[in-house]
Every structure is written in C-alpha cells, then in structure tokens.
Amino acid sequence: MSEHFVHERAWCESSNVGKHTRIWAFTHVMKGAKIGSGCNIGEHCFIENEVIIGNDVTVKNGISVWDGVTIEDRVFLGPDMVFTNDLKPRSKAHDYVQLKTVVKEGSTIGANATIIGGITIGRYSMVGAGSVITKNVPDHALVYGNPAKIRAWVCECGEKLDSACGRSGCACGKVYMIEEKKCERII
C-alpha cells in the first residue's frame, strides 16, 4: 500500500512522492518529478519532469509547474497562478533556454499571479493575487501589481510588519531588522 494518495482520476508517473502527499483528480505528475511529504496537489494540475517540490507545499487547482522550477518547503501556490520557463517562446522551437525559477521556503504566491522564468521568490515573501513578477522578490517582501513592486514587509506568520525600516515587530512577537537599502525599494 502506498504512503501517499493519488485520486483514481489523476495520473502520477513519478515514484518519488513523499508520505502523506495527496494528488487530486485530473492532475498529471510526470515520471521525473520529485514531490516531498505532506503536500497537497489540487485538481487540474500538471507537474513536469524536472520539477522539485519540497515538504508541506500546497499547490491549489489549475497550476502547471514546468521544468526548471524548484519549490522549497511550506510554500503556498494560489489557484491558477502561472510559472513560465522561456523568455522567447515559439511554437516547435526546441532550442529554447530553460530558465531556473526558485520559490523559497514559506513563501506565498496569490491566485492568478504570473512568475516570469528565472526569478527567485524570497523566503516568507508574499506575492499578491494577479501580480506579474518580473524581478527577484527579497525575503519577507510583500509585492503586488503589474509589474509587482515591494509595498511592505511581512513576518513569517504572514502579518504585515509594523514599520518599513529599521527594527520592526509583529503582533506574533517576532522582531526583524530591515536594512535601509531594502526600505528604499518601497513605493
């Protein structure tokens, strides 16, 4: 008996899926994909061969995760968000340069956001719904818009920090030091 769940209407070709991971209906996980333990992969998803997904990741419905994408532990991917991995896509072009995208530990990407290939999404950052990410996102940044810009800073717990620069605290008790150079990026 398997230690993970694959819905009878899903197709999981990979033998590298961790314990307690759930893969729901109409999802296709290709043979080379690596998925950690405790993940929830929603309906109508596609996970390509050269994808690495860490532990305790939530992939909501309607997401395609293309070759070159690495998702670290405890990441949340909102419904229908989009990854790209080619800056110059053309039909039947087999000589494209596959870009590497990394979504760091604990980050959140909101529904319908688009992540341009080659981007790093920082630890515990938050990408607002519908945003278009064209540049790397620093750790703990709250970004949104098209193109997305840094609007504030967020705690590991997800709450907005009480100040933009210097020493900043959260209601949960965690305290952060935000460097001046990062503060200048806030619009």
N, C-alpha and C. Protein backbone atom coordinates (compact mmCIF):
# COMPACT_ATOMS: atom_id res chain seq x y z
N MET A 1 0.84 -1.19 0.00
CA MET A 1 0.00 0.00 0.00
C MET A 1 0.88 1.25 0.00
N SER A 2 0.49 2.23 -0.80
CA SER A 2 1.24 3.47 -0.93
C SER A 2 1.08 4.34 0.32
N GLU A 3 2.10 5.12 0.59
CA GLU A 3 2.05 6.03 1.74
C GLU A 3 1.57 7.42 1.35
N HIS A 4 1.18 7.59 0.07
CA HIS A 4 0.58 8.83 -0.39
C HIS A 4 -0.71 8.50 -1.14
N PHE A 5 -1.53 9.53 -1.39
CA PHE A 5 -2.83 9.33 -2.03
C PHE A 5 -2.81 9.90 -3.43
N VAL A 6 -3.25 9.12 -4.40
CA VAL A 6 -3.43 9.59 -5.77
C VAL A 6 -4.89 9.28 -6.15
N HIS A 7 -5.64 10.31 -6.45
CA HIS A 7 -7.04 10.13 -6.85
C HIS A 7 -7.12 9.22 -8.06
N GLU A 8 -8.18 8.43 -8.13
CA GLU A 8 -8.32 7.46 -9.23
C GLU A 8 -8.36 8.12 -10.61
N ARG A 9 -8.66 9.42 -10.67
CA ARG A 9 -8.69 10.13 -11.95
C ARG A 9 -7.45 11.01 -12.14
N ALA A 10 -6.43 10.81 -11.33
CA ALA A 10 -5.14 11.50 -11.52
C ALA A 10 -4.17 10.51 -12.14
N TRP A 11 -3.11 11.03 -12.72
CA TRP A 11 -2.08 10.19 -13.32
C TRP A 11 -0.74 10.59 -12.74
N CYS A 12 -0.21 9.75 -11.88
CA CYS A 12 1.08 10.00 -11.24
C CYS A 12 2.09 8.97 -11.74
N GLU A 13 2.98 9.41 -12.62
CA GLU A 13 4.03 8.54 -13.16
C GLU A 13 5.25 8.48 -12.25
N SER A 14 5.41 9.46 -11.37
CA SER A 14 6.60 9.55 -10.51
C SER A 14 6.53 8.55 -9.36
N SER A 15 7.66 7.94 -9.09
CA SER A 15 7.76 7.06 -7.92
C SER A 15 8.43 7.80 -6.76
N ASN A 16 8.68 9.11 -6.96
CA ASN A 16 9.35 9.90 -5.95
C ASN A 16 8.37 10.91 -5.34
N VAL A 17 7.36 10.39 -4.64
CA VAL A 17 6.34 11.21 -3.96
C VAL A 17 6.37 10.84 -2.49
N GLY A 18 6.47 11.84 -1.61
CA GLY A 18 6.62 11.62 -0.18
C GLY A 18 5.35 11.18 0.53
N LYS A 19 5.55 10.73 1.77
CA LYS A 19 4.45 10.28 2.63
C LYS A 19 3.41 11.39 2.82
N HIS A 20 2.18 10.96 2.91
CA HIS A 20 1.05 11.83 3.25
C HIS A 20 0.78 12.94 2.22
N THR A 21 1.38 12.83 1.05
CA THR A 21 1.06 13.77 -0.03
C THR A 21 -0.22 13.31 -0.70
N ARG A 22 -1.05 14.29 -1.11
CA ARG A 22 -2.32 13.99 -1.78
C ARG A 22 -2.31 14.63 -3.17
N ILE A 23 -2.64 13.83 -4.17
CA ILE A 23 -2.70 14.29 -5.55
C ILE A 23 -4.13 14.06 -6.03
N TRP A 24 -4.81 15.16 -6.40
CA TRP A 24 -6.23 15.11 -6.67
C TRP A 24 -6.54 14.92 -8.15
N ALA A 25 -7.81 14.82 -8.47
CA ALA A 25 -8.31 14.42 -9.80
C ALA A 25 -7.80 15.32 -10.93
N PHE A 26 -7.61 14.70 -12.07
CA PHE A 26 -7.25 15.37 -13.32
C PHE A 26 -5.90 16.07 -13.25
N THR A 27 -5.04 15.57 -12.37
CA THR A 27 -3.67 16.07 -12.25
C THR A 27 -2.73 15.04 -12.84
N HIS A 28 -1.70 15.54 -13.53
CA HIS A 28 -0.69 14.67 -14.13
C HIS A 28 0.67 15.04 -13.56
N VAL A 29 1.31 14.07 -12.91
CA VAL A 29 2.67 14.24 -12.38
C VAL A 29 3.57 13.35 -13.24
N MET A 30 4.53 13.98 -13.92
CA MET A 30 5.40 13.22 -14.81
C MET A 30 6.45 12.42 -14.05
N LYS A 31 7.05 11.46 -14.74
CA LYS A 31 7.93 10.46 -14.14
C LYS A 31 9.10 11.04 -13.34
N GLY A 32 9.74 12.06 -13.84
CA GLY A 32 10.94 12.59 -13.19
C GLY A 32 10.69 13.58 -12.05
N ALA A 33 9.44 13.97 -11.83
CA ALA A 33 9.12 14.95 -10.79
C ALA A 33 9.41 14.39 -9.40
N LYS A 34 9.85 15.28 -8.50
CA LYS A 34 10.11 14.91 -7.11
C LYS A 34 9.21 15.76 -6.23
N ILE A 35 8.37 15.09 -5.43
CA ILE A 35 7.43 15.78 -4.56
C ILE A 35 7.65 15.28 -3.13
N GLY A 36 7.80 16.21 -2.20
CA GLY A 36 8.07 15.87 -0.80
C GLY A 36 6.85 15.33 -0.07
N SER A 37 6.98 15.23 1.24
CA SER A 37 5.91 14.69 2.08
C SER A 37 4.95 15.80 2.52
N GLY A 38 3.73 15.39 2.82
CA GLY A 38 2.73 16.31 3.37
C GLY A 38 2.23 17.36 2.39
N CYS A 39 2.40 17.15 1.10
CA CYS A 39 1.96 18.13 0.10
C CYS A 39 0.50 17.88 -0.29
N ASN A 40 -0.14 18.90 -0.79
CA ASN A 40 -1.48 18.79 -1.34
C ASN A 40 -1.45 19.38 -2.74
N ILE A 41 -1.61 18.52 -3.75
CA ILE A 41 -1.60 18.95 -5.15
C ILE A 41 -3.04 18.92 -5.63
N GLY A 42 -3.61 20.10 -5.91
CA GLY A 42 -5.02 20.21 -6.25
C GLY A 42 -5.39 19.62 -7.59
N GLU A 43 -6.65 19.79 -7.96
CA GLU A 43 -7.17 19.26 -9.23
C GLU A 43 -6.66 20.08 -10.42
N HIS A 44 -6.60 19.41 -11.57
CA HIS A 44 -6.25 20.04 -12.84
C HIS A 44 -4.87 20.69 -12.81
N CYS A 45 -3.90 20.01 -12.22
CA CYS A 45 -2.52 20.49 -12.19
C CYS A 45 -1.66 19.63 -13.11
N PHE A 46 -0.52 20.18 -13.51
CA PHE A 46 0.45 19.46 -14.32
C PHE A 46 1.83 19.73 -13.74
N ILE A 47 2.58 18.66 -13.46
CA ILE A 47 3.92 18.81 -12.88
C ILE A 47 4.89 18.08 -13.78
N GLU A 48 5.79 18.85 -14.39
CA GLU A 48 6.70 18.31 -15.40
C GLU A 48 7.87 17.55 -14.77
N ASN A 49 8.68 16.91 -15.60
CA ASN A 49 9.76 16.01 -15.19
C ASN A 49 10.82 16.60 -14.28
N GLU A 50 11.30 17.78 -14.60
CA GLU A 50 12.44 18.36 -13.88
C GLU A 50 11.99 19.36 -12.82
N VAL A 51 10.96 18.98 -12.08
CA VAL A 51 10.40 19.83 -11.02
C VAL A 51 10.73 19.20 -9.68
N ILE A 52 11.10 20.04 -8.73
CA ILE A 52 11.33 19.60 -7.35
C ILE A 52 10.38 20.38 -6.46
N ILE A 53 9.57 19.66 -5.70
CA ILE A 53 8.65 20.28 -4.75
C ILE A 53 9.01 19.76 -3.36
N GLY A 54 9.21 20.68 -2.41
CA GLY A 54 9.61 20.32 -1.05
C GLY A 54 8.46 19.73 -0.24
N ASN A 55 8.60 19.78 1.06
CA ASN A 55 7.62 19.23 2.00
C ASN A 55 6.57 20.26 2.37
N ASP A 56 5.36 19.77 2.65
CA ASP A 56 4.26 20.60 3.16
C ASP A 56 3.92 21.76 2.23
N VAL A 57 3.96 21.52 0.94
CA VAL A 57 3.64 22.52 -0.07
C VAL A 57 2.18 22.36 -0.48
N THR A 58 1.50 23.49 -0.66
CA THR A 58 0.14 23.49 -1.17
C THR A 58 0.15 24.04 -2.59
N VAL A 59 -0.29 23.21 -3.53
CA VAL A 59 -0.44 23.61 -4.93
C VAL A 59 -1.94 23.58 -5.21
N LYS A 60 -2.55 24.75 -5.25
CA LYS A 60 -4.00 24.81 -5.47
C LYS A 60 -4.35 24.45 -6.91
N ASN A 61 -5.63 24.40 -7.23
CA ASN A 61 -6.12 23.92 -8.52
C ASN A 61 -5.63 24.76 -9.70
N GLY A 62 -5.43 24.06 -10.83
CA GLY A 62 -5.18 24.74 -12.10
C GLY A 62 -3.77 25.27 -12.30
N ILE A 63 -2.77 24.64 -11.70
CA ILE A 63 -1.40 25.15 -11.80
C ILE A 63 -0.54 24.17 -12.58
N SER A 64 0.24 24.70 -13.53
CA SER A 64 1.25 23.92 -14.24
C SER A 64 2.61 24.33 -13.70
N VAL A 65 3.39 23.34 -13.30
CA VAL A 65 4.74 23.59 -12.79
C VAL A 65 5.70 22.99 -13.81
N TRP A 66 6.41 23.85 -14.51
CA TRP A 66 7.23 23.46 -15.65
C TRP A 66 8.65 23.09 -15.23
N ASP A 67 9.34 22.37 -16.13
CA ASP A 67 10.75 22.03 -15.92
C ASP A 67 11.53 23.28 -15.51
N GLY A 68 12.44 23.09 -14.57
CA GLY A 68 13.29 24.19 -14.11
C GLY A 68 12.77 24.89 -12.87
N VAL A 69 11.58 24.53 -12.38
CA VAL A 69 11.02 25.17 -11.19
C VAL A 69 11.31 24.31 -9.96
N THR A 70 11.86 24.96 -8.94
CA THR A 70 12.08 24.33 -7.64
C THR A 70 11.25 25.08 -6.61
N ILE A 71 10.47 24.32 -5.85
CA ILE A 71 9.61 24.89 -4.80
C ILE A 71 10.07 24.32 -3.47
N GLU A 72 10.51 25.18 -2.58
CA GLU A 72 11.01 24.72 -1.29
C GLU A 72 9.86 24.43 -0.32
N ASP A 73 10.20 24.06 0.90
CA ASP A 73 9.23 23.65 1.92
C ASP A 73 8.24 24.75 2.29
N ARG A 74 7.02 24.31 2.64
CA ARG A 74 5.94 25.14 3.20
C ARG A 74 5.56 26.34 2.32
N VAL A 75 5.58 26.15 1.01
CA VAL A 75 5.17 27.18 0.07
C VAL A 75 3.68 27.00 -0.23
N PHE A 76 2.99 28.11 -0.44
CA PHE A 76 1.58 28.11 -0.85
C PHE A 76 1.48 28.72 -2.24
N LEU A 77 0.92 27.95 -3.19
CA LEU A 77 0.69 28.44 -4.55
C LEU A 77 -0.81 28.57 -4.76
N GLY A 78 -1.28 29.80 -4.94
CA GLY A 78 -2.71 30.06 -5.08
C GLY A 78 -3.28 29.59 -6.40
N PRO A 79 -4.61 29.42 -6.47
CA PRO A 79 -5.26 28.87 -7.64
C PRO A 79 -4.89 29.60 -8.94
N ASP A 80 -4.59 28.81 -9.96
CA ASP A 80 -4.37 29.30 -11.32
C ASP A 80 -3.18 30.25 -11.46
N MET A 81 -2.26 30.26 -10.50
CA MET A 81 -1.06 31.08 -10.70
C MET A 81 -0.23 30.41 -11.80
N VAL A 82 0.68 31.18 -12.43
CA VAL A 82 1.38 30.71 -13.62
C VAL A 82 2.89 30.84 -13.48
N PHE A 83 3.60 29.77 -13.82
CA PHE A 83 5.05 29.81 -13.98
C PHE A 83 5.37 29.83 -15.47
N THR A 84 6.42 30.55 -15.87
CA THR A 84 6.95 30.44 -17.23
C THR A 84 8.39 29.97 -17.10
N ASN A 85 8.95 29.41 -18.18
CA ASN A 85 10.36 29.00 -18.12
C ASN A 85 11.11 29.29 -19.41
N ASP A 86 10.55 30.16 -20.24
CA ASP A 86 11.17 30.51 -21.52
C ASP A 86 10.80 31.95 -21.83
N LEU A 87 11.81 32.82 -22.00
CA LEU A 87 11.52 34.23 -22.28
C LEU A 87 11.21 34.50 -23.74
N LYS A 88 11.52 33.56 -24.63
CA LYS A 88 11.27 33.74 -26.06
C LYS A 88 10.54 32.53 -26.64
N PRO A 89 9.34 32.24 -26.14
CA PRO A 89 8.65 31.03 -26.62
C PRO A 89 8.18 31.16 -28.06
N ARG A 90 8.40 30.09 -28.82
CA ARG A 90 7.91 29.97 -30.19
C ARG A 90 7.42 28.54 -30.39
N SER A 91 6.40 28.39 -31.16
CA SER A 91 5.88 27.07 -31.46
C SER A 91 6.95 26.22 -32.14
N LYS A 92 7.10 25.00 -31.65
CA LYS A 92 8.02 23.99 -32.19
C LYS A 92 9.48 24.41 -32.14
N ALA A 93 9.84 25.38 -31.29
CA ALA A 93 11.24 25.76 -31.11
C ALA A 93 11.83 24.87 -30.03
N HIS A 94 12.76 24.03 -30.40
CA HIS A 94 13.33 23.08 -29.46
C HIS A 94 14.69 23.52 -28.93
N ASP A 95 15.13 24.71 -29.31
CA ASP A 95 16.44 25.20 -28.89
C ASP A 95 16.33 26.29 -27.81
N TYR A 96 15.18 26.32 -27.13
CA TYR A 96 14.99 27.36 -26.12
C TYR A 96 15.91 27.15 -24.92
N VAL A 97 16.15 28.23 -24.18
CA VAL A 97 16.96 28.18 -22.98
C VAL A 97 16.01 28.07 -21.79
N GLN A 98 16.06 26.94 -21.11
CA GLN A 98 15.18 26.73 -19.96
C GLN A 98 15.70 27.52 -18.77
N LEU A 99 14.87 28.37 -18.21
CA LEU A 99 15.25 29.19 -17.08
C LEU A 99 14.92 28.48 -15.77
N LYS A 100 15.71 28.75 -14.75
CA LYS A 100 15.51 28.17 -13.43
C LYS A 100 14.78 29.17 -12.55
N THR A 101 13.71 28.71 -11.92
CA THR A 101 12.92 29.53 -11.01
C THR A 101 12.93 28.84 -9.66
N VAL A 102 13.15 29.61 -8.59
CA VAL A 102 13.16 29.05 -7.24
C VAL A 102 12.16 29.82 -6.38
N VAL A 103 11.28 29.06 -5.73
CA VAL A 103 10.34 29.63 -4.78
C VAL A 103 10.81 29.17 -3.41
N LYS A 104 11.32 30.12 -2.62
CA LYS A 104 11.97 29.80 -1.36
C LYS A 104 10.97 29.47 -0.24
N GLU A 105 11.51 28.87 0.79
CA GLU A 105 10.76 28.37 1.94
C GLU A 105 9.73 29.37 2.49
N GLY A 106 8.52 28.87 2.72
CA GLY A 106 7.49 29.63 3.43
C GLY A 106 6.83 30.73 2.64
N SER A 107 7.15 30.89 1.37
CA SER A 107 6.56 32.00 0.62
C SER A 107 5.15 31.67 0.14
N THR A 108 4.43 32.71 -0.25
CA THR A 108 3.05 32.60 -0.74
C THR A 108 2.94 33.31 -2.07
N ILE A 109 2.32 32.65 -3.04
CA ILE A 109 2.03 33.29 -4.32
C ILE A 109 0.52 33.26 -4.50
N GLY A 110 -0.08 34.44 -4.65
CA GLY A 110 -1.53 34.55 -4.73
C GLY A 110 -2.12 34.07 -6.04
N ALA A 111 -3.42 33.90 -6.03
CA ALA A 111 -4.17 33.41 -7.19
C ALA A 111 -3.90 34.27 -8.42
N ASN A 112 -3.76 33.60 -9.56
CA ASN A 112 -3.60 34.24 -10.86
C ASN A 112 -2.35 35.09 -11.02
N ALA A 113 -1.39 34.99 -10.11
CA ALA A 113 -0.12 35.69 -10.30
C ALA A 113 0.67 35.00 -11.40
N THR A 114 1.54 35.75 -12.08
CA THR A 114 2.41 35.20 -13.11
C THR A 114 3.86 35.43 -12.70
N ILE A 115 4.64 34.35 -12.72
CA ILE A 115 6.05 34.41 -12.36
C ILE A 115 6.87 34.20 -13.63
N ILE A 116 7.57 35.23 -14.07
CA ILE A 116 8.41 35.13 -15.27
C ILE A 116 9.59 34.22 -14.95
N GLY A 117 10.01 33.39 -15.89
CA GLY A 117 11.09 32.43 -15.68
C GLY A 117 12.39 33.09 -15.24
N GLY A 118 13.17 32.36 -14.44
CA GLY A 118 14.46 32.84 -13.98
C GLY A 118 14.41 33.66 -12.70
N ILE A 119 13.28 33.71 -12.06
CA ILE A 119 13.05 34.53 -10.87
C ILE A 119 13.27 33.70 -9.60
N THR A 120 13.71 34.37 -8.54
CA THR A 120 13.73 33.78 -7.20
C THR A 120 12.73 34.53 -6.34
N ILE A 121 11.83 33.79 -5.72
CA ILE A 121 10.86 34.35 -4.78
C ILE A 121 11.42 34.08 -3.39
N GLY A 122 11.70 35.14 -2.63
CA GLY A 122 12.39 35.03 -1.34
C GLY A 122 11.60 34.34 -0.25
N ARG A 123 12.34 33.91 0.79
CA ARG A 123 11.76 33.23 1.94
C ARG A 123 10.68 34.09 2.60
N TYR A 124 9.55 33.47 2.91
CA TYR A 124 8.43 34.07 3.63
C TYR A 124 7.91 35.36 2.99
N SER A 125 8.13 35.51 1.71
CA SER A 125 7.59 36.67 1.00
C SER A 125 6.14 36.36 0.60
N MET A 126 5.43 37.40 0.16
CA MET A 126 4.05 37.25 -0.30
C MET A 126 3.89 37.98 -1.62
N VAL A 127 3.34 37.27 -2.60
CA VAL A 127 3.04 37.84 -3.90
C VAL A 127 1.52 37.98 -3.98
N GLY A 128 1.04 39.19 -4.20
CA GLY A 128 -0.39 39.45 -4.24
C GLY A 128 -1.07 38.82 -5.44
N ALA A 129 -2.34 38.52 -5.29
CA ALA A 129 -3.14 37.92 -6.36
C ALA A 129 -3.08 38.79 -7.61
N GLY A 130 -2.92 38.14 -8.77
CA GLY A 130 -2.93 38.83 -10.04
C GLY A 130 -1.65 39.58 -10.39
N SER A 131 -0.65 39.50 -9.55
CA SER A 131 0.60 40.23 -9.79
C SER A 131 1.41 39.59 -10.90
N VAL A 132 2.26 40.40 -11.53
CA VAL A 132 3.21 39.90 -12.52
C VAL A 132 4.61 40.15 -11.98
N ILE A 133 5.34 39.06 -11.73
CA ILE A 133 6.67 39.14 -11.12
C ILE A 133 7.72 39.12 -12.22
N THR A 134 8.44 40.23 -12.38
CA THR A 134 9.46 40.36 -13.41
C THR A 134 10.86 40.45 -12.84
N LYS A 135 10.97 40.57 -11.51
CA LYS A 135 12.28 40.67 -10.83
C LYS A 135 12.26 39.80 -9.59
N ASN A 136 13.45 39.47 -9.10
CA ASN A 136 13.55 38.68 -7.86
C ASN A 136 12.82 39.39 -6.73
N VAL A 137 12.22 38.59 -5.85
CA VAL A 137 11.49 39.12 -4.69
C VAL A 137 12.33 38.82 -3.45
N PRO A 138 12.69 39.85 -2.66
CA PRO A 138 13.50 39.62 -1.46
C PRO A 138 12.74 38.86 -0.37
N ASP A 139 13.47 38.26 0.55
CA ASP A 139 12.87 37.61 1.71
C ASP A 139 11.93 38.59 2.41
N HIS A 140 10.79 38.11 2.86
CA HIS A 140 9.81 38.84 3.67
C HIS A 140 9.15 40.03 2.96
N ALA A 141 9.35 40.18 1.66
CA ALA A 141 8.72 41.30 0.94
C ALA A 141 7.27 40.97 0.62
N LEU A 142 6.41 41.98 0.70
CA LEU A 142 5.04 41.92 0.20
C LEU A 142 5.05 42.67 -1.12
N VAL A 143 4.77 41.96 -2.22
CA VAL A 143 4.79 42.58 -3.54
C VAL A 143 3.45 42.38 -4.22
N TYR A 144 3.05 43.38 -5.00
CA TYR A 144 1.86 43.24 -5.82
C TYR A 144 1.87 44.30 -6.91
N GLY A 145 1.03 44.06 -7.92
CA GLY A 145 0.91 44.98 -9.05
C GLY A 145 1.43 44.37 -10.33
N ASN A 146 1.37 45.17 -11.41
CA ASN A 146 1.84 44.74 -12.72
C ASN A 146 2.62 45.87 -13.37
N PRO A 147 3.96 45.80 -13.33
CA PRO A 147 4.77 44.77 -12.67
C PRO A 147 4.72 44.96 -11.16
N ALA A 148 4.95 43.87 -10.45
CA ALA A 148 4.89 43.92 -8.98
C ALA A 148 6.02 44.78 -8.43
N LYS A 149 5.71 45.47 -7.34
CA LYS A 149 6.69 46.28 -6.61
C LYS A 149 6.58 45.95 -5.14
N ILE A 150 7.64 46.19 -4.41
CA ILE A 150 7.62 45.99 -2.96
C ILE A 150 6.73 47.06 -2.35
N ARG A 151 5.75 46.61 -1.56
CA ARG A 151 4.80 47.54 -0.93
C ARG A 151 4.96 47.58 0.58
N ALA A 152 5.49 46.49 1.16
CA ALA A 152 5.67 46.39 2.61
C ALA A 152 6.52 45.15 2.88
N TRP A 153 6.63 44.82 4.18
CA TRP A 153 7.38 43.64 4.62
C TRP A 153 6.47 42.80 5.49
N VAL A 154 6.64 41.47 5.44
CA VAL A 154 5.77 40.57 6.19
C VAL A 154 6.58 39.62 7.06
N CYS A 155 5.95 39.24 8.16
CA CYS A 155 6.52 38.30 9.12
C CYS A 155 6.38 36.87 8.58
N GLU A 156 7.08 35.94 9.19
CA GLU A 156 6.91 34.52 8.87
C GLU A 156 5.46 34.08 9.05
N CYS A 157 4.75 34.70 9.99
CA CYS A 157 3.36 34.32 10.24
C CYS A 157 2.41 34.86 9.19
N GLY A 158 2.89 35.76 8.32
CA GLY A 158 2.07 36.31 7.25
C GLY A 158 1.54 37.70 7.50
N GLU A 159 1.68 38.20 8.72
CA GLU A 159 1.19 39.55 9.04
C GLU A 159 2.17 40.62 8.54
N LYS A 160 1.62 41.76 8.16
CA LYS A 160 2.42 42.90 7.74
C LYS A 160 3.19 43.44 8.94
N LEU A 161 4.47 43.77 8.75
CA LEU A 161 5.27 44.31 9.84
C LEU A 161 4.86 45.74 10.15
N ASP A 162 5.09 46.17 11.39
CA ASP A 162 4.58 47.46 11.84
C ASP A 162 5.38 48.67 11.40
N SER A 163 6.54 48.47 10.79
CA SER A 163 7.25 49.62 10.23
C SER A 163 8.01 49.16 9.00
N ALA A 164 8.40 50.14 8.17
CA ALA A 164 9.04 49.81 6.90
C ALA A 164 10.56 49.74 7.00
N CYS A 165 11.15 50.41 7.97
CA CYS A 165 12.61 50.47 8.05
C CYS A 165 13.10 50.24 9.47
N GLY A 166 14.33 49.78 9.57
CA GLY A 166 14.95 49.58 10.87
C GLY A 166 14.33 48.41 11.61
N ARG A 167 14.21 48.54 12.92
CA ARG A 167 13.66 47.48 13.76
C ARG A 167 12.15 47.45 13.60
N SER A 168 11.64 46.26 13.29
CA SER A 168 10.21 46.13 13.05
C SER A 168 9.69 44.89 13.74
N GLY A 169 8.57 45.04 14.42
CA GLY A 169 7.99 43.91 15.15
C GLY A 169 6.66 43.49 14.59
N CYS A 170 6.26 42.29 15.00
CA CYS A 170 4.97 41.74 14.58
C CYS A 170 4.18 41.40 15.85
N ALA A 171 2.86 41.37 15.72
CA ALA A 171 1.99 41.02 16.85
C ALA A 171 2.29 39.62 17.39
N CYS A 172 2.88 38.74 16.55
CA CYS A 172 3.17 37.37 17.00
C CYS A 172 4.41 37.33 17.90
N GLY A 173 5.13 38.46 17.99
CA GLY A 173 6.30 38.53 18.87
C GLY A 173 7.64 38.52 18.16
N LYS A 174 7.68 38.18 16.88
CA LYS A 174 8.95 38.17 16.15
C LYS A 174 9.37 39.59 15.83
N VAL A 175 10.69 39.82 15.84
CA VAL A 175 11.25 41.13 15.55
C VAL A 175 12.24 40.99 14.41
N TYR A 176 12.25 41.95 13.49
CA TYR A 176 13.11 41.94 12.32
C TYR A 176 13.88 43.25 12.22
N MET A 177 15.03 43.20 11.58
CA MET A 177 15.78 44.40 11.21
C MET A 177 15.71 44.51 9.69
N ILE A 178 15.13 45.59 9.20
CA ILE A 178 15.02 45.79 7.76
C ILE A 178 16.07 46.80 7.35
N GLU A 179 16.97 46.39 6.45
CA GLU A 179 18.08 47.23 6.02
C GLU A 179 17.57 48.45 5.27
N GLU A 180 18.29 49.57 5.44
CA GLU A 180 17.91 50.82 4.77
C GLU A 180 17.82 50.65 3.26
N LYS A 181 18.78 49.92 2.66
CA LYS A 181 18.77 49.79 1.20
C LYS A 181 17.51 49.08 0.70
N LYS A 182 16.98 48.16 1.50
CA LYS A 182 15.74 47.48 1.11
C LYS A 182 14.55 48.41 1.31
N CYS A 183 14.60 49.27 2.31
CA CYS A 183 13.49 50.20 2.57
C CYS A 183 13.29 51.17 1.41
N GLU A 184 14.37 51.53 0.73
CA GLU A 184 14.28 52.47 -0.39
C GLU A 184 13.46 51.91 -1.54
N ARG A 185 13.27 50.58 -1.60
CA ARG A 185 12.53 49.98 -2.69
C ARG A 185 11.02 50.09 -2.51
N ILE A 186 10.57 50.42 -1.33
CA ILE A 186 9.12 50.51 -1.09
C ILE A 186 8.56 51.74 -1.76
N ILE A 187 7.50 51.55 -2.52
CA ILE A 187 6.87 52.64 -3.26
C ILE A 187 5.90 53.37 -2.34
